[in-house]
Amino acid sequence: MKAIDTNILIRFLTRDDERQSQIVYKRFKQAEIEKEILFIPLPVTIETIWVLESAYNETRKNIYEAFKDLLAMPILKFEKPEAIQGFILSAQESKIDLSDILIAYSSKFSGCELVITFDKKASKHQLFELIK
């Protein structure tokens, strides 16, 4: 199995560079034909969220919808897929930062009860606890 980097997901999702986007599309098609699985590490997921928000000004909804679509692709295997699913569901209901939501669900599915934080906004989420 091979892992993919953030720039691969960004090219696939934004198609902002036609040449590189076509390379990614062909590589994904090849993986589909060969029944190959490509791994997406959790840091790539969180970095992709950050890049889509900060560099591309994507809406919250577009971001979690994109991850919903990526999760459905049989060639992609996410690290902590249950955390990604929790992230998607919570992102629709919560107003806290998307990266914080993913941190919370990644922690939950790694066996943690809560994430302690100084972030007052994040602490409003059930998986965070404000430390004073």
Protein backbone atom coordinates (compact mmCIF):
# COMPACT_ATOMS: atom_id res chain seq x y z
CA MET A 1 0.00 0.00 0.00
CA LYS A 2 1.12 3.55 -0.72
CA ALA A 3 0.14 6.70 1.13
CA ILE A 4 -0.80 9.97 -0.51
CA ASP A 5 0.30 13.46 0.45
CA THR A 6 -1.84 16.54 1.03
CA ASN A 7 -0.93 18.06 -2.35
CA ILE A 8 -2.43 15.01 -4.10
CA LEU A 9 -5.77 15.50 -2.33
CA ILE A 10 -5.69 19.23 -2.96
CA ARG A 11 -5.09 18.74 -6.72
CA PHE A 12 -7.89 16.15 -6.81
CA LEU A 13 -10.38 18.32 -4.91
CA THR A 14 -9.62 21.75 -6.35
CA ARG A 15 -8.33 20.93 -9.85
CA ASP A 16 -6.36 24.17 -9.57
CA ASP A 17 -3.45 22.88 -11.62
CA GLU A 18 -4.71 21.13 -14.75
CA ARG A 19 -1.56 19.13 -15.45
CA GLN A 20 -1.16 17.85 -11.90
CA SER A 21 -4.90 17.25 -11.56
CA GLN A 22 -4.81 15.02 -14.64
CA ILE A 23 -1.85 13.10 -13.22
CA VAL A 24 -3.76 12.50 -9.99
CA TYR A 25 -6.91 11.48 -11.88
CA LYS A 26 -4.91 8.96 -13.96
CA ARG A 27 -3.20 7.60 -10.85
CA PHE A 28 -6.53 7.15 -9.08
CA LYS A 29 -7.95 5.42 -12.18
CA GLN A 30 -4.93 3.12 -12.23
CA ALA A 31 -5.50 2.29 -8.56
CA GLU A 32 -9.13 1.54 -9.31
CA ILE A 33 -8.27 -0.77 -12.21
CA GLU A 34 -5.57 -2.57 -10.23
CA LYS A 35 -7.71 -2.71 -7.07
CA GLU A 36 -4.97 -0.84 -5.21
CA ILE A 37 -5.67 0.96 -1.95
CA LEU A 38 -4.11 4.37 -1.27
CA PHE A 39 -3.70 5.36 2.37
CA ILE A 40 -4.52 8.81 3.76
CA PRO A 41 -2.73 9.48 7.07
CA LEU A 42 -4.56 11.58 9.64
CA PRO A 43 -2.04 14.46 9.38
CA VAL A 44 -2.82 14.64 5.64
CA THR A 45 -6.53 14.89 6.45
CA ILE A 46 -6.06 17.71 8.92
CA GLU A 47 -3.60 19.53 6.65
CA THR A 48 -6.05 19.24 3.74
CA ILE A 49 -8.78 20.80 5.87
CA TRP A 50 -6.45 23.64 6.83
CA VAL A 51 -5.33 24.28 3.23
CA LEU A 52 -8.90 24.26 1.90
CA GLU A 53 -9.96 26.73 4.59
CA SER A 54 -6.99 29.08 4.55
CA ALA A 55 -5.65 29.02 1.01
CA TYR A 56 -8.80 28.25 -0.97
CA ASN A 57 -11.43 29.87 1.28
CA GLU A 58 -13.67 26.84 0.88
CA THR A 59 -16.86 26.81 2.87
CA ARG A 60 -17.27 24.55 5.83
CA LYS A 61 -19.98 22.61 4.03
CA ASN A 62 -17.87 22.11 0.90
CA ILE A 63 -15.04 20.74 3.03
CA TYR A 64 -17.02 18.18 4.98
CA GLU A 65 -18.95 17.20 1.83
CA ALA A 66 -15.62 16.64 0.05
CA PHE A 67 -14.51 14.31 2.82
CA LYS A 68 -17.81 12.50 2.68
CA ASP A 69 -17.17 11.87 -1.04
CA LEU A 70 -13.55 10.82 -0.41
CA LEU A 71 -14.65 8.33 2.25
CA ALA A 72 -16.91 6.69 -0.31
CA MET A 73 -14.07 6.08 -2.76
CA PRO A 74 -13.07 2.40 -2.59
CA ILE A 75 -9.43 3.15 -3.50
CA LEU A 76 -8.91 5.37 -0.45
CA LYS A 77 -8.27 4.11 3.06
CA PHE A 78 -8.26 6.75 5.77
CA GLU A 79 -6.40 6.45 9.03
CA LYS A 80 -9.12 6.46 11.67
CA PRO A 81 -12.11 6.40 9.26
CA GLU A 82 -14.50 6.42 12.22
CA ALA A 83 -12.93 9.73 13.31
CA ILE A 84 -13.47 11.14 9.81
CA GLN A 85 -17.12 10.05 9.93
CA GLY A 86 -17.54 11.66 13.36
CA PHE A 87 -15.86 14.78 12.03
CA ILE A 88 -18.31 14.97 9.11
CA LEU A 89 -21.38 14.54 11.31
CA SER A 90 -20.19 16.97 13.97
CA ALA A 91 -19.06 19.58 11.41
CA GLN A 92 -22.66 19.83 10.23
CA GLU A 93 -23.90 20.62 13.74
CA SER A 94 -21.04 22.40 15.48
CA LYS A 95 -19.54 25.83 14.92
CA ILE A 96 -16.06 25.06 16.27
CA ASP A 97 -13.08 24.94 13.93
CA LEU A 98 -13.02 21.94 11.60
CA SER A 99 -9.50 20.99 12.61
CA ASP A 100 -10.55 20.98 16.28
CA ILE A 101 -13.45 18.67 15.46
CA LEU A 102 -11.09 16.24 13.76
CA ILE A 103 -8.69 16.39 16.71
CA ALA A 104 -11.59 15.58 19.06
CA TYR A 105 -12.79 12.58 17.07
CA SER A 106 -9.30 11.28 16.43
CA SER A 107 -8.70 11.41 20.18
CA LYS A 108 -12.03 9.75 20.94
CA PHE A 109 -11.33 6.85 18.61
CA SER A 110 -7.85 6.50 20.09
CA GLY A 111 -9.40 5.79 23.48
CA CYS A 112 -9.41 9.27 25.03
CA GLU A 113 -12.34 10.58 27.04
CA LEU A 114 -11.78 14.26 26.30
CA VAL A 115 -9.28 16.72 24.85
CA ILE A 116 -8.11 19.33 27.35
CA THR A 117 -7.69 22.78 25.87
CA PHE A 118 -7.34 26.50 26.50
CA ASP A 119 -9.55 27.13 23.45
CA LYS A 120 -12.85 28.50 24.80
CA LYS A 121 -14.64 28.02 21.49
CA ALA A 122 -13.54 24.38 21.17
CA SER A 123 -14.42 23.70 24.81
CA LYS A 124 -18.09 24.15 23.93
CA HIS A 125 -17.91 20.80 22.10
CA GLN A 126 -18.71 17.73 24.18
CA LEU A 127 -15.32 16.13 23.47
CA PHE A 128 -13.32 19.07 24.84
CA GLU A 129 -12.69 20.24 28.36
CA LEU A 130 -11.54 23.77 29.16
CA ILE A 131 -8.51 23.82 31.43
CA LYS A 132 -8.08 26.81 33.74
